[in-house]
Amino acid sequence: MSPAEYRAALAEVGLSLSSANKFFQADERTTRRWAADDNGKDVPRAVAITLRLMAKYKLTPEDVTVLMNEAEDAG
């Protein structure tokens, strides 16, 4: 996922750059770098997969948080 695709995916699932750092438990500077066109690096694969699944299945950040908490409780 390129930085431009990352920015578009964030918008599609309702995350801002500042909320993305909390959601992905990453430093705010890191999420800004993922979104920067000039950094020469793609977004981490796990982040890209999460955003693509959220978009495909129309999951909100809150939906994903609930699912993650349920998975942790079951495990």
PDB file of N, CA and C in Angstrom:
ATOM      1  N   MET A   1       0.858  -1.177   0.000  1.00  0.00           N
ATOM      2  CA  MET A   1       0.000   0.000   0.000  1.00  0.00           C
ATOM      3  C   MET A   1       0.895   1.228   0.000  1.00  0.00           C
ATOM      4  N   SER A   2       0.660   2.061  -0.960  1.00  0.00           N
ATOM      5  CA  SER A   2       1.434   3.305  -1.070  1.00  0.00           C
ATOM      6  C   SER A   2       0.913   4.336  -0.062  1.00  0.00           C
ATOM      7  N   PRO A   3       1.676   5.388   0.165  1.00  0.00           N
ATOM      8  CA  PRO A   3       1.196   6.447   1.049  1.00  0.00           C
ATOM      9  C   PRO A   3      -0.143   7.043   0.591  1.00  0.00           C
ATOM     10  N   ALA A   4      -0.317   7.226  -0.713  1.00  0.00           N
ATOM     11  CA  ALA A   4      -1.579   7.774  -1.221  1.00  0.00           C
ATOM     12  C   ALA A   4      -2.737   6.809  -0.965  1.00  0.00           C
ATOM     13  N   GLU A   5      -2.501   5.525  -1.167  1.00  0.00           N
ATOM     14  CA  GLU A   5      -3.544   4.524  -0.883  1.00  0.00           C
ATOM     15  C   GLU A   5      -3.860   4.487   0.610  1.00  0.00           C
ATOM     16  N   TYR A   6      -2.836   4.634   1.434  1.00  0.00           N
ATOM     17  CA  TYR A   6      -3.023   4.672   2.891  1.00  0.00           C
ATOM     18  C   TYR A   6      -3.921   5.845   3.285  1.00  0.00           C
ATOM     19  N   ARG A   7      -3.637   7.024   2.757  1.00  0.00           N
ATOM     20  CA  ARG A   7      -4.452   8.194   3.090  1.00  0.00           C
ATOM     21  C   ARG A   7      -5.902   7.992   2.645  1.00  0.00           C
ATOM     22  N   ALA A   8      -6.074   7.426   1.461  1.00  0.00           N
ATOM     23  CA  ALA A   8      -7.437   7.177   0.959  1.00  0.00           C
ATOM     24  C   ALA A   8      -8.151   6.126   1.817  1.00  0.00           C
ATOM     25  N   ALA A   9      -7.438   5.091   2.206  1.00  0.00           N
ATOM     26  CA  ALA A   9      -8.041   4.046   3.035  1.00  0.00           C
ATOM     27  C   ALA A   9      -8.438   4.586   4.405  1.00  0.00           C
ATOM     28  N   LEU A  10      -7.595   5.428   4.980  1.00  0.00           N
ATOM     29  CA  LEU A  10      -7.950   6.037   6.269  1.00  0.00           C
ATOM     30  C   LEU A  10      -9.251   6.814   6.145  1.00  0.00           C
ATOM     31  N   ALA A  11      -9.357   7.612   5.103  1.00  0.00           N
ATOM     32  CA  ALA A  11     -10.576   8.402   4.892  1.00  0.00           C
ATOM     33  C   ALA A  11     -11.783   7.486   4.708  1.00  0.00           C
ATOM     34  N   GLU A  12     -11.600   6.398   3.972  1.00  0.00           N
ATOM     35  CA  GLU A  12     -12.712   5.488   3.699  1.00  0.00           C
ATOM     36  C   GLU A  12     -13.244   4.824   4.967  1.00  0.00           C
ATOM     37  N   VAL A  13     -12.357   4.505   5.902  1.00  0.00           N
ATOM     38  CA  VAL A  13     -12.809   3.825   7.130  1.00  0.00           C
ATOM     39  C   VAL A  13     -13.049   4.793   8.285  1.00  0.00           C
ATOM     40  N   GLY A  14     -12.843   6.075   8.036  1.00  0.00           N
ATOM     41  CA  GLY A  14     -13.163   7.079   9.057  1.00  0.00           C
ATOM     42  C   GLY A  14     -12.078   7.331  10.085  1.00  0.00           C
ATOM     43  N   LEU A  15     -10.827   7.138   9.695  1.00  0.00           N
ATOM     44  CA  LEU A  15      -9.718   7.424  10.598  1.00  0.00           C
ATOM     45  C   LEU A  15      -8.953   8.649  10.108  1.00  0.00           C
ATOM     46  N   SER A  16      -8.603   9.525  11.025  1.00  0.00           N
ATOM     47  CA  SER A  16      -7.707  10.629  10.722  1.00  0.00           C
ATOM     48  C   SER A  16      -6.282  10.154  11.012  1.00  0.00           C
ATOM     49  N   LEU A  17      -5.296  10.947  10.636  1.00  0.00           N
ATOM     50  CA  LEU A  17      -3.919  10.563  10.959  1.00  0.00           C
ATOM     51  C   LEU A  17      -3.715  10.462  12.465  1.00  0.00           C
ATOM     52  N   SER A  18      -4.303  11.389  13.214  1.00  0.00           N
ATOM     53  CA  SER A  18      -4.108  11.344  14.666  1.00  0.00           C
ATOM     54  C   SER A  18      -4.858  10.179  15.314  1.00  0.00           C
ATOM     55  N   SER A  19      -6.006   9.796  14.774  1.00  0.00           N
ATOM     56  CA  SER A  19      -6.692   8.636  15.342  1.00  0.00           C
ATOM     57  C   SER A  19      -6.058   7.328  14.870  1.00  0.00           C
ATOM     58  N   ALA A  20      -5.398   7.354  13.710  1.00  0.00           N
ATOM     59  CA  ALA A  20      -4.722   6.151  13.201  1.00  0.00           C
ATOM     60  C   ALA A  20      -3.587   5.739  14.118  1.00  0.00           C
ATOM     61  N   ASN A  21      -2.865   6.703  14.667  1.00  0.00           N
ATOM     62  CA  ASN A  21      -1.764   6.314  15.556  1.00  0.00           C
ATOM     63  C   ASN A  21      -2.282   5.615  16.804  1.00  0.00           C
ATOM     64  N   LYS A  22      -3.412   6.036  17.316  1.00  0.00           N
ATOM     65  CA  LYS A  22      -3.999   5.355  18.479  1.00  0.00           C
ATOM     66  C   LYS A  22      -4.528   3.975  18.085  1.00  0.00           C
ATOM     67  N   PHE A  23      -5.218   3.917  16.950  1.00  0.00           N
ATOM     68  CA  PHE A  23      -5.817   2.665  16.496  1.00  0.00           C
ATOM     69  C   PHE A  23      -4.757   1.599  16.229  1.00  0.00           C
ATOM     70  N   PHE A  24      -3.662   1.988  15.566  1.00  0.00           N
ATOM     71  CA  PHE A  24      -2.606   1.033  15.237  1.00  0.00           C
ATOM     72  C   PHE A  24      -1.519   0.965  16.301  1.00  0.00           C
ATOM     73  N   GLN A  25      -1.702   1.691  17.392  1.00  0.00           N
ATOM     74  CA  GLN A  25      -0.750   1.729  18.501  1.00  0.00           C
ATOM     75  C   GLN A  25       0.660   2.045  18.002  1.00  0.00           C
ATOM     76  N   ALA A  26       0.722   3.093  17.186  1.00  0.00           N
ATOM     77  CA  ALA A  26       1.987   3.547  16.616  1.00  0.00           C
ATOM     78  C   ALA A  26       2.195   5.008  16.990  1.00  0.00           C
ATOM     79  N   ASP A  27       3.435   5.411  16.986  1.00  0.00           N
ATOM     80  CA  ASP A  27       3.768   6.803  17.240  1.00  0.00           C
ATOM     81  C   ASP A  27       3.157   7.688  16.155  1.00  0.00           C
ATOM     82  N   GLU A  28       2.707   8.864  16.532  1.00  0.00           N
ATOM     83  CA  GLU A  28       2.078   9.769  15.562  1.00  0.00           C
ATOM     84  C   GLU A  28       3.033  10.113  14.417  1.00  0.00           C
ATOM     85  N   ARG A  29       4.301  10.249  14.736  1.00  0.00           N
ATOM     86  CA  ARG A  29       5.287  10.534  13.701  1.00  0.00           C
ATOM     87  C   ARG A  29       5.369   9.379  12.692  1.00  0.00           C
ATOM     88  N   THR A  30       5.223   8.166  13.178  1.00  0.00           N
ATOM     89  CA  THR A  30       5.255   6.987  12.305  1.00  0.00           C
ATOM     90  C   THR A  30       4.079   6.997  11.343  1.00  0.00           C
ATOM     91  N   THR A  31       2.868   7.268  11.838  1.00  0.00           N
ATOM     92  CA  THR A  31       1.704   7.274  10.953  1.00  0.00           C
ATOM     93  C   THR A  31       1.775   8.425   9.955  1.00  0.00           C
ATOM     94  N   ARG A  32       2.374   9.535  10.359  1.00  0.00           N
ATOM     95  CA  ARG A  32       2.575  10.640   9.404  1.00  0.00           C
ATOM     96  C   ARG A  32       3.562  10.241   8.309  1.00  0.00           C
ATOM     97  N   ARG A  33       4.609   9.493   8.683  1.00  0.00           N
ATOM     98  CA  ARG A  33       5.574   9.014   7.677  1.00  0.00           C
ATOM     99  C   ARG A  33       4.909   8.055   6.705  1.00  0.00           C
ATOM    100  N   TRP A  34       4.030   7.173   7.198  1.00  0.00           N
ATOM    101  CA  TRP A  34       3.315   6.250   6.319  1.00  0.00           C
ATOM    102  C   TRP A  34       2.508   7.030   5.278  1.00  0.00           C
ATOM    103  N   ALA A  35       2.013   8.189   5.674  1.00  0.00           N
ATOM    104  CA  ALA A  35       1.156   8.989   4.792  1.00  0.00           C
ATOM    105  C   ALA A  35       1.941   9.930   3.885  1.00  0.00           C
ATOM    106  N   ALA A  36       3.236  10.088   4.133  1.00  0.00           N
ATOM    107  CA  ALA A  36       4.041  11.040   3.366  1.00  0.00           C
ATOM    108  C   ALA A  36       4.472  10.442   2.030  1.00  0.00           C
ATOM    109  N   ASP A  37       4.281  11.191   0.973  1.00  0.00           N
ATOM    110  CA  ASP A  37       4.661  10.729  -0.366  1.00  0.00           C
ATOM    111  C   ASP A  37       6.170  10.633  -0.555  1.00  0.00           C
ATOM    112  N   ASP A  38       6.926  11.361   0.239  1.00  0.00           N
ATOM    113  CA  ASP A  38       8.357  11.457  -0.013  1.00  0.00           C
ATOM    114  C   ASP A  38       9.201  10.504   0.827  1.00  0.00           C
ATOM    115  N   ASN A  39       8.567   9.582   1.579  1.00  0.00           N
ATOM    116  CA  ASN A  39       9.359   8.740   2.473  1.00  0.00           C
ATOM    117  C   ASN A  39       9.955   7.511   1.791  1.00  0.00           C
ATOM    118  N   GLY A  40       9.455   7.145   0.624  1.00  0.00           N
ATOM    119  CA  GLY A  40      10.009   6.026  -0.114  1.00  0.00           C
ATOM    120  C   GLY A  40       9.691   4.662   0.462  1.00  0.00           C
ATOM    121  N   LYS A  41       8.835   4.599   1.467  1.00  0.00           N
ATOM    122  CA  LYS A  41       8.498   3.325   2.097  1.00  0.00           C
ATOM    123  C   LYS A  41       6.998   3.094   2.023  1.00  0.00           C
ATOM    124  N   ASP A  42       6.642   1.845   1.843  1.00  0.00           N
ATOM    125  CA  ASP A  42       5.231   1.492   1.849  1.00  0.00           C
ATOM    126  C   ASP A  42       4.746   1.323   3.280  1.00  0.00           C
ATOM    127  N   VAL A  43       3.447   1.333   3.425  1.00  0.00           N
ATOM    128  CA  VAL A  43       2.793   1.093   4.719  1.00  0.00           C
ATOM    129  C   VAL A  43       3.029  -0.368   5.107  1.00  0.00           C
ATOM    130  N   PRO A  44       3.234  -0.664   6.391  1.00  0.00           N
ATOM    131  CA  PRO A  44       3.421  -2.054   6.803  1.00  0.00           C
ATOM    132  C   PRO A  44       2.262  -2.946   6.346  1.00  0.00           C
ATOM    133  N   ARG A  45       2.586  -4.169   5.994  1.00  0.00           N
ATOM    134  CA  ARG A  45       1.603  -5.097   5.424  1.00  0.00           C
ATOM    135  C   ARG A  45       0.407  -5.317   6.351  1.00  0.00           C
ATOM    136  N   ALA A  46       0.642  -5.482   7.645  1.00  0.00           N
ATOM    137  CA  ALA A  46      -0.459  -5.729   8.583  1.00  0.00           C
ATOM    138  C   ALA A  46      -1.422  -4.548   8.632  1.00  0.00           C
ATOM    139  N   VAL A  47      -0.893  -3.345   8.563  1.00  0.00           N
ATOM    140  CA  VAL A  47      -1.727  -2.137   8.556  1.00  0.00           C
ATOM    141  C   VAL A  47      -2.539  -2.090   7.270  1.00  0.00           C
ATOM    142  N   ALA A  48      -1.892  -2.364   6.152  1.00  0.00           N
ATOM    143  CA  ALA A  48      -2.588  -2.348   4.864  1.00  0.00           C
ATOM    144  C   ALA A  48      -3.701  -3.389   4.824  1.00  0.00           C
ATOM    145  N   ILE A  49      -3.418  -4.589   5.302  1.00  0.00           N
ATOM    146  CA  ILE A  49      -4.436  -5.651   5.316  1.00  0.00           C
ATOM    147  C   ILE A  49      -5.613  -5.251   6.192  1.00  0.00           C
ATOM    148  N   THR A  50      -5.327  -4.714   7.354  1.00  0.00           N
ATOM    149  CA  THR A  50      -6.394  -4.290   8.267  1.00  0.00           C
ATOM    150  C   THR A  50      -7.286  -3.246   7.599  1.00  0.00           C
ATOM    151  N   LEU A  51      -6.680  -2.244   6.987  1.00  0.00           N
ATOM    152  CA  LEU A  51      -7.467  -1.194   6.339  1.00  0.00           C
ATOM    153  C   LEU A  51      -8.281  -1.743   5.162  1.00  0.00           C
ATOM    154  N   ARG A  52      -7.681  -2.628   4.386  1.00  0.00           N
ATOM    155  CA  ARG A  52      -8.416  -3.205   3.250  1.00  0.00           C
ATOM    156  C   ARG A  52      -9.594  -4.055   3.719  1.00  0.00           C
ATOM    157  N   LEU A  53      -9.413  -4.831   4.771  1.00  0.00           N
ATOM    158  CA  LEU A  53     -10.516  -5.630   5.307  1.00  0.00           C
ATOM    159  C   LEU A  53     -11.614  -4.740   5.883  1.00  0.00           C
ATOM    160  N   MET A  54     -11.208  -3.691   6.578  1.00  0.00           N
ATOM    161  CA  MET A  54     -12.196  -2.755   7.125  1.00  0.00           C
ATOM    162  C   MET A  54     -13.030  -2.148   6.009  1.00  0.00           C
ATOM    163  N   ALA A  55     -12.378  -1.732   4.934  1.00  0.00           N
ATOM    164  CA  ALA A  55     -13.092  -1.123   3.816  1.00  0.00           C
ATOM    165  C   ALA A  55     -14.006  -2.142   3.131  1.00  0.00           C
ATOM    166  N   LYS A  56     -13.491  -3.335   2.889  1.00  0.00           N
ATOM    167  CA  LYS A  56     -14.271  -4.354   2.178  1.00  0.00           C
ATOM    168  C   LYS A  56     -15.527  -4.751   2.945  1.00  0.00           C
ATOM    169  N   TYR A  57     -15.376  -4.934   4.251  1.00  0.00           N
ATOM    170  CA  TYR A  57     -16.496  -5.410   5.064  1.00  0.00           C
ATOM    171  C   TYR A  57     -17.212  -4.296   5.822  1.00  0.00           C
ATOM    172  N   LYS A  58     -16.886  -3.047   5.486  1.00  0.00           N
ATOM    173  CA  LYS A  58     -17.543  -1.866   6.070  1.00  0.00           C
ATOM    174  C   LYS A  58     -17.454  -1.871   7.595  1.00  0.00           C
ATOM    175  N   LEU A  59     -16.258  -2.172   8.105  1.00  0.00           N
ATOM    176  CA  LEU A  59     -16.034  -2.192   9.549  1.00  0.00           C
ATOM    177  C   LEU A  59     -15.502  -0.838  10.004  1.00  0.00           C
ATOM    178  N   THR A  60     -16.056  -0.346  11.074  1.00  0.00           N
ATOM    179  CA  THR A  60     -15.561   0.889  11.666  1.00  0.00           C
ATOM    180  C   THR A  60     -14.397   0.558  12.606  1.00  0.00           C
ATOM    181  N   PRO A  61     -13.626   1.559  12.993  1.00  0.00           N
ATOM    182  CA  PRO A  61     -12.578   1.304  13.989  1.00  0.00           C
ATOM    183  C   PRO A  61     -13.157   0.706  15.281  1.00  0.00           C
ATOM    184  N   GLU A  62     -14.351   1.140  15.647  1.00  0.00           N
ATOM    185  CA  GLU A  62     -14.992   0.609  16.850  1.00  0.00           C
ATOM    186  C   GLU A  62     -15.338  -0.875  16.678  1.00  0.00           C
ATOM    187  N   ASP A  63     -15.815  -1.257  15.484  1.00  0.00           N
ATOM    188  CA  ASP A  63     -16.105  -2.667  15.202  1.00  0.00           C
ATOM    189  C   ASP A  63     -14.857  -3.521  15.381  1.00  0.00           C
ATOM    190  N   VAL A  64     -13.749  -3.050  14.847  1.00  0.00           N
ATOM    191  CA  VAL A  64     -12.500  -3.809  14.919  1.00  0.00           C
ATOM    192  C   VAL A  64     -12.022  -3.908  16.368  1.00  0.00           C
ATOM    193  N   THR A  65     -12.159  -2.833  17.118  1.00  0.00           N
ATOM    194  CA  THR A  65     -11.772  -2.857  18.529  1.00  0.00           C
ATOM    195  C   THR A  65     -12.582  -3.894  19.296  1.00  0.00           C
ATOM    196  N   VAL A  66     -13.879  -3.952  19.052  1.00  0.00           N
ATOM    197  CA  VAL A  66     -14.738  -4.948  19.708  1.00  0.00           C
ATOM    198  C   VAL A  66     -14.291  -6.357  19.328  1.00  0.00           C
ATOM    199  N   LEU A  67     -14.047  -6.584  18.038  1.00  0.00           N
ATOM    200  CA  LEU A  67     -13.599  -7.906  17.590  1.00  0.00           C
ATOM    201  C   LEU A  67     -12.273  -8.301  18.227  1.00  0.00           C
ATOM    202  N   MET A  68     -11.355  -7.356  18.316  1.00  0.00           N
ATOM    203  CA  MET A  68     -10.060  -7.650  18.945  1.00  0.00           C
ATOM    204  C   MET A  68     -10.214  -7.975  20.428  1.00  0.00           C
ATOM    205  N   ASN A  69     -11.076  -7.233  21.112  1.00  0.00           N
ATOM    206  CA  ASN A  69     -11.303  -7.498  22.537  1.00  0.00           C
ATOM    207  C   ASN A  69     -11.956  -8.871  22.735  1.00  0.00           C
ATOM    208  N   GLU A  70     -12.899  -9.226  21.864  1.00  0.00           N
ATOM    209  CA  GLU A  70     -13.531 -10.548  21.946  1.00  0.00           C
ATOM    210  C   GLU A  70     -12.519 -11.656  21.717  1.00  0.00           C
ATOM    211  N   ALA A  71     -11.611 -11.461  20.758  1.00  0.00           N
ATOM    212  CA  ALA A  71     -10.591 -12.465  20.463  1.00  0.00           C
ATOM    213  C   ALA A  71      -9.641 -12.628  21.643  1.00  0.00           C
ATOM    214  N   GLU A  72      -9.273 -11.510  22.279  1.00  0.00           N
ATOM    215  CA  GLU A  72      -8.386 -11.586  23.442  1.00  0.00           C
ATOM    216  C   GLU A  72      -9.077 -12.283  24.607  1.00  0.00           C
ATOM    217  N   ASP A  73     -10.368 -12.016  24.814  1.00  0.00           N
ATOM    218  CA  ASP A  73     -11.119 -12.633  25.900  1.00  0.00           C
ATOM    219  C   ASP A  73     -11.267 -14.143  25.678  1.00  0.00           C
ATOM    220  N   ALA A  74     -11.401 -14.552  24.407  1.00  0.00           N
ATOM    221  CA  ALA A  74     -11.596 -15.972  24.088  1.00  0.00           C
ATOM    222  C   ALA A  74     -10.280 -16.746  24.177  1.00  0.00           C
ATOM    223  N   GLY A  75      -9.166 -16.053  24.018  1.00  0.00           N
ATOM    224  CA  GLY A  75      -7.875 -16.733  23.953  1.00  0.00           C
ATOM    225  C   GLY A  75      -7.230 -16.796  25.260  1.00  0.00           C
TER     226      GLY A  75
END
